[in-house]
Amino acid sequence: MTYIVDAVDYALKLLSHVAEHPGLGVTELSAQIGINKSRAYRMLCTLEAHRYVVQDARSATYALGPQAFVVGVAAAQQNTLVRTASRHMLALNQAIDETIVLRVREGLETVCVARCETSHPVRAVGAVGNRRPLNSGASGKILLAFAPEAVRADYLARARHKPQAADPAAIAKELDTIVRKGHAVSQGDITPGAVAISVPVRDVSGDTVAAVAISGPEMRIGRKEIPDYLKRLQACADAISAELGYAGAARPG
């Protein structure tokens, strides 16, 4: 059994066709995709509303819009990021035999994009593609703390309207402390008894593009182990950042 939504399937085919054949009008696009003109037009209007396509007012033809560029750049960055990070994450994983995780921010969520598992039977539960609210766990705190100011302001503004959320002033103070220290540690934030240590990964512009973390049970990652693990984790992040072109990172070797 396949779970394909017909309308989404055709909309994505339409978007791909615009990418490959810019400068066509709705009549040509509907004929080449194989859907009726009115349906194609509604889909194009929806894609245009989300800025995935734009219509030339004079010729009434379509081309990719700015949001398509954003998605393309993000995909390229994440692919490069994962490819670059995987080798260094694996080396750290083999050195300490704990789970190493790479997460990126998408809006007000974080997504796991790479993961190296420990061989221990007791381990943190998770998978590539897993999503969490921003500021959740050590990696989420890093990605919020080092996010652009507008993102932090948006998060704190939303927190003010959630009765169960922590005090925004306390969150802001914690984020400032994380920025000053350059790392975050969480204990039981996601899973009771689990500990995570996270630091930022930066690209050529100096922006934080990901958070890399060590996670495991508190019986293996206690107060005594954290300083050594943090030092190793920072070296891992520096090596990834250096390969991404960040001049502030210590070059490996």
Protein backbone atom coordinates (compact mmCIF):
# COMPACT_ATOMS: atom_id res chain seq x y z
CA MET A 1 0.00 0.00 0.00
CA THR A 2 1.30 3.46 -0.91
CA TYR A 3 0.35 6.64 0.92
CA ILE A 4 0.48 9.26 -1.81
CA VAL A 5 -1.81 12.29 -1.71
CA ASP A 6 -2.92 12.88 -5.28
CA ALA A 7 -3.09 16.68 -5.05
CA VAL A 8 0.33 16.94 -3.39
CA ASP A 9 1.79 14.54 -5.94
CA TYR A 10 0.62 16.67 -8.86
CA ALA A 11 1.62 19.93 -7.16
CA LEU A 12 5.17 18.62 -6.69
CA LYS A 13 5.27 17.42 -10.31
CA LEU A 14 4.12 20.88 -11.35
CA LEU A 15 6.79 22.55 -9.22
CA SER A 16 9.49 20.26 -10.63
CA HIS A 17 8.31 21.00 -14.17
CA VAL A 18 8.52 24.75 -13.57
CA ALA A 19 12.06 24.23 -12.25
CA GLU A 20 13.08 22.28 -15.35
CA HIS A 21 11.10 24.34 -17.89
CA PRO A 22 10.76 27.97 -16.74
CA GLY A 23 8.82 30.38 -18.90
CA LEU A 24 5.74 28.26 -19.57
CA GLY A 25 2.17 29.41 -19.02
CA VAL A 26 -0.63 27.51 -17.32
CA THR A 27 -1.90 26.06 -20.61
CA GLU A 28 1.45 24.49 -21.50
CA LEU A 29 2.10 23.33 -17.96
CA SER A 30 -1.31 21.67 -17.55
CA ALA A 31 -0.94 19.87 -20.88
CA GLN A 32 2.57 18.64 -20.15
CA ILE A 33 1.75 17.49 -16.61
CA GLY A 34 -1.53 15.90 -17.70
CA ILE A 35 -4.07 17.76 -15.56
CA ASN A 36 -6.86 20.13 -16.53
CA LYS A 37 -6.11 23.81 -16.82
CA SER A 38 -8.29 25.01 -13.92
CA ARG A 39 -6.71 22.50 -11.53
CA ALA A 40 -3.21 23.47 -12.66
CA TYR A 41 -4.06 27.14 -12.17
CA ARG A 42 -5.29 26.56 -8.58
CA MET A 43 -2.12 24.66 -7.78
CA LEU A 44 0.05 27.38 -9.28
CA CYS A 45 -1.82 30.01 -7.25
CA THR A 46 -1.17 27.97 -4.09
CA LEU A 47 2.52 27.57 -4.93
CA GLU A 48 2.70 31.29 -5.69
CA ALA A 49 1.08 32.14 -2.35
CA HIS A 50 3.89 30.23 -0.64
CA ARG A 51 6.49 31.88 -2.93
CA TYR A 52 7.60 28.61 -4.54
CA VAL A 53 6.76 30.03 -7.97
CA VAL A 54 6.29 33.53 -9.36
CA GLN A 55 4.28 34.64 -12.38
CA ASP A 56 5.60 37.16 -14.86
CA ALA A 57 2.87 39.79 -15.08
CA ARG A 58 3.54 40.59 -18.75
CA SER A 59 3.88 37.09 -20.20
CA ALA A 60 1.77 35.18 -17.64
CA THR A 61 4.50 32.54 -17.47
CA TYR A 62 5.98 30.92 -14.38
CA ALA A 63 9.44 30.53 -12.84
CA LEU A 64 10.74 29.42 -9.45
CA GLY A 65 10.18 31.82 -6.57
CA PRO A 66 12.35 32.81 -3.59
CA GLN A 67 11.11 30.03 -1.29
CA ALA A 68 12.32 27.42 -3.77
CA PHE A 69 15.75 29.04 -3.50
CA VAL A 70 15.59 28.86 0.29
CA VAL A 71 14.76 25.14 0.17
CA GLY A 72 17.50 24.48 -2.38
CA VAL A 73 20.14 26.29 -0.33
CA ALA A 74 19.02 24.53 2.85
CA ALA A 75 19.20 21.13 1.16
CA ALA A 76 22.69 21.85 -0.17
CA GLN A 77 23.87 23.07 3.22
CA GLN A 78 22.43 20.11 5.07
CA ASN A 79 23.82 17.58 2.64
CA THR A 80 27.26 19.16 2.88
CA LEU A 81 26.89 19.43 6.62
CA VAL A 82 25.97 15.77 7.12
CA ARG A 83 28.66 14.58 4.74
CA THR A 84 31.27 16.71 6.49
CA ALA A 85 30.14 15.92 10.03
CA SER A 86 29.71 12.15 9.71
CA ARG A 87 33.42 11.28 9.68
CA HIS A 88 34.20 13.37 12.76
CA MET A 89 31.11 12.14 14.59
CA LEU A 90 32.06 8.53 13.90
CA ALA A 91 35.59 9.10 15.21
CA LEU A 92 34.21 10.55 18.45
CA ASN A 93 31.66 7.75 18.72
CA GLN A 94 34.39 5.13 18.38
CA ALA A 95 36.60 6.90 20.93
CA ILE A 96 34.02 7.09 23.72
CA ASP A 97 31.32 4.61 22.62
CA GLU A 98 28.44 6.99 23.27
CA THR A 99 25.72 8.22 20.91
CA ILE A 100 26.68 11.29 18.85
CA VAL A 101 23.85 13.35 17.37
CA LEU A 102 23.70 16.23 14.88
CA ARG A 103 20.63 18.47 14.89
CA VAL A 104 19.64 21.52 12.84
CA ARG A 105 16.98 24.16 13.39
CA GLU A 106 13.89 24.38 11.19
CA GLY A 107 11.72 27.25 12.32
CA LEU A 108 10.94 26.70 15.99
CA GLU A 109 11.84 23.00 15.86
CA THR A 110 15.03 20.98 15.68
CA VAL A 111 15.57 17.98 13.40
CA CYS A 112 18.07 15.15 13.81
CA VAL A 113 20.03 14.91 10.54
CA ALA A 114 22.80 12.47 11.56
CA ARG A 115 23.39 9.99 14.34
CA CYS A 116 26.13 7.55 15.41
CA GLU A 117 24.89 4.94 17.89
CA THR A 118 26.67 3.53 20.92
CA SER A 119 27.23 -0.21 21.18
CA HIS A 120 25.94 -0.21 24.76
CA PRO A 121 22.54 -1.87 25.24
CA VAL A 122 21.38 1.05 27.41
CA ARG A 123 21.21 4.06 25.12
CA ALA A 124 19.25 7.21 24.30
CA VAL A 125 16.27 6.54 22.02
CA GLY A 126 16.09 8.50 18.76
CA ALA A 127 16.38 8.42 15.00
CA VAL A 128 17.36 10.57 12.03
CA GLY A 129 14.36 12.74 11.12
CA ASN A 130 13.20 13.04 14.72
CA ARG A 131 11.73 16.49 15.47
CA ARG A 132 11.62 18.33 18.78
CA PRO A 133 10.51 21.78 19.90
CA LEU A 134 13.28 24.37 19.92
CA ASN A 135 14.94 24.74 23.36
CA SER A 136 14.25 21.07 24.07
CA GLY A 137 17.34 19.17 25.22
CA ALA A 138 20.95 20.33 25.06
CA SER A 139 21.02 20.62 21.26
CA GLY A 140 17.77 22.58 21.19
CA LYS A 141 19.14 25.00 23.76
CA ILE A 142 22.27 25.51 21.66
CA LEU A 143 20.27 26.11 18.48
CA LEU A 144 18.03 28.64 20.22
CA ALA A 145 20.84 30.34 22.13
CA PHE A 146 22.90 30.87 18.96
CA ALA A 147 19.93 31.55 16.65
CA PRO A 148 19.39 34.97 15.05
CA GLU A 149 17.91 37.49 17.45
CA ALA A 150 14.58 37.49 15.58
CA VAL A 151 14.20 33.75 16.17
CA ARG A 152 14.94 34.07 19.86
CA ALA A 153 12.51 37.00 20.18
CA ASP A 154 9.79 35.01 18.38
CA TYR A 155 10.32 32.00 20.65
CA LEU A 156 10.22 34.10 23.83
CA ALA A 157 7.12 36.00 22.63
CA ARG A 158 5.29 32.71 22.06
CA ALA A 159 6.43 31.41 25.45
CA ARG A 160 4.72 34.35 27.14
CA HIS A 161 1.36 33.12 25.84
CA LYS A 162 1.79 29.48 26.89
CA PRO A 163 0.64 28.85 30.47
CA GLN A 164 2.86 25.75 30.86
CA ALA A 165 6.00 27.41 29.46
CA ALA A 166 8.88 28.50 31.66
CA ASP A 167 9.29 32.16 32.51
CA PRO A 168 10.62 33.92 29.36
CA ALA A 169 13.01 35.99 31.48
CA ALA A 170 14.46 32.80 32.97
CA ILE A 171 14.77 31.25 29.50
CA ALA A 172 16.56 34.35 28.19
CA LYS A 173 18.96 34.28 31.13
CA GLU A 174 19.72 30.60 30.54
CA LEU A 175 20.32 31.24 26.82
CA ASP A 176 22.74 34.08 27.61
CA THR A 177 24.64 31.75 29.95
CA ILE A 178 24.86 29.11 27.21
CA VAL A 179 26.25 31.65 24.74
CA ARG A 180 28.82 32.78 27.31
CA LYS A 181 29.91 29.23 28.14
CA GLY A 182 29.70 27.95 24.55
CA HIS A 183 27.95 24.71 25.46
CA ALA A 184 24.77 23.28 26.96
CA VAL A 185 24.15 20.31 29.23
CA SER A 186 20.75 18.72 29.78
CA GLN A 187 19.81 16.09 32.34
CA GLY A 188 16.50 14.30 31.93
CA ASP A 189 15.03 16.98 29.66
CA ILE A 190 13.81 14.47 27.06
CA THR A 191 14.27 11.08 28.74
CA PRO A 192 14.53 10.54 32.51
CA GLY A 193 18.07 9.55 33.47
CA ALA A 194 19.58 10.71 30.16
CA VAL A 195 22.37 13.27 29.88
CA ALA A 196 23.35 15.27 26.81
CA ILE A 197 26.19 17.71 26.14
CA SER A 198 25.99 19.93 23.06
CA VAL A 199 28.07 22.60 21.30
CA PRO A 200 27.49 24.68 18.15
CA VAL A 201 28.77 23.95 14.65
CA ARG A 202 29.46 27.01 12.50
CA ASP A 203 29.85 27.61 8.78
CA VAL A 204 32.02 29.97 6.74
CA SER A 205 29.84 32.95 7.72
CA GLY A 206 30.27 32.21 11.42
CA ASP A 207 26.56 31.38 11.83
CA THR A 208 25.57 28.38 13.91
CA VAL A 209 24.19 25.84 11.40
CA ALA A 210 23.91 22.82 13.68
CA ALA A 211 24.44 21.45 17.15
CA VAL A 212 26.48 18.31 17.78
CA ALA A 213 25.91 16.39 20.98
CA ILE A 214 27.00 13.43 23.08
CA SER A 215 24.10 11.67 24.77
CA GLY A 216 23.81 8.70 27.10
CA PRO A 217 22.59 7.58 30.52
CA GLU A 218 23.72 9.44 33.62
CA MET A 219 25.30 6.25 34.96
CA ARG A 220 27.92 6.57 32.17
CA ILE A 221 27.98 10.35 31.73
CA GLY A 222 28.34 11.75 35.21
CA ARG A 223 29.88 14.90 36.60
CA LYS A 224 33.34 13.32 36.43
CA GLU A 225 33.07 12.45 32.71
CA ILE A 226 31.52 15.70 31.47
CA PRO A 227 34.71 17.87 31.32
CA ASP A 228 36.62 15.29 29.22
CA TYR A 229 33.61 14.61 26.99
CA LEU A 230 33.04 18.33 26.51
CA LYS A 231 36.66 18.81 25.44
CA ARG A 232 36.38 15.94 22.92
CA LEU A 233 33.00 17.22 21.66
CA GLN A 234 34.36 20.74 21.16
CA ALA A 235 37.27 19.32 19.15
CA CYS A 236 34.78 17.41 17.00
CA ALA A 237 32.69 20.55 16.41
CA ASP A 238 35.81 22.58 15.63
CA ALA A 239 36.89 20.02 13.03
CA ILE A 240 33.46 20.05 11.36
CA SER A 241 33.30 23.86 11.44
CA ALA A 242 36.80 24.15 9.96
CA GLU A 243 35.80 21.95 7.03
CA LEU A 244 32.71 24.12 6.53
CA GLY A 245 35.06 27.11 6.22
CA TYR A 246 34.71 28.67 9.66
CA ALA A 247 37.94 30.62 10.22
CA GLY A 248 37.51 30.70 13.99
CA ALA A 249 37.72 26.93 14.32
CA ALA A 250 40.97 25.23 15.11
CA ARG A 251 42.12 23.47 11.95
CA PRO A 252 42.47 19.71 12.45
CA GLY A 253 45.94 18.17 12.17
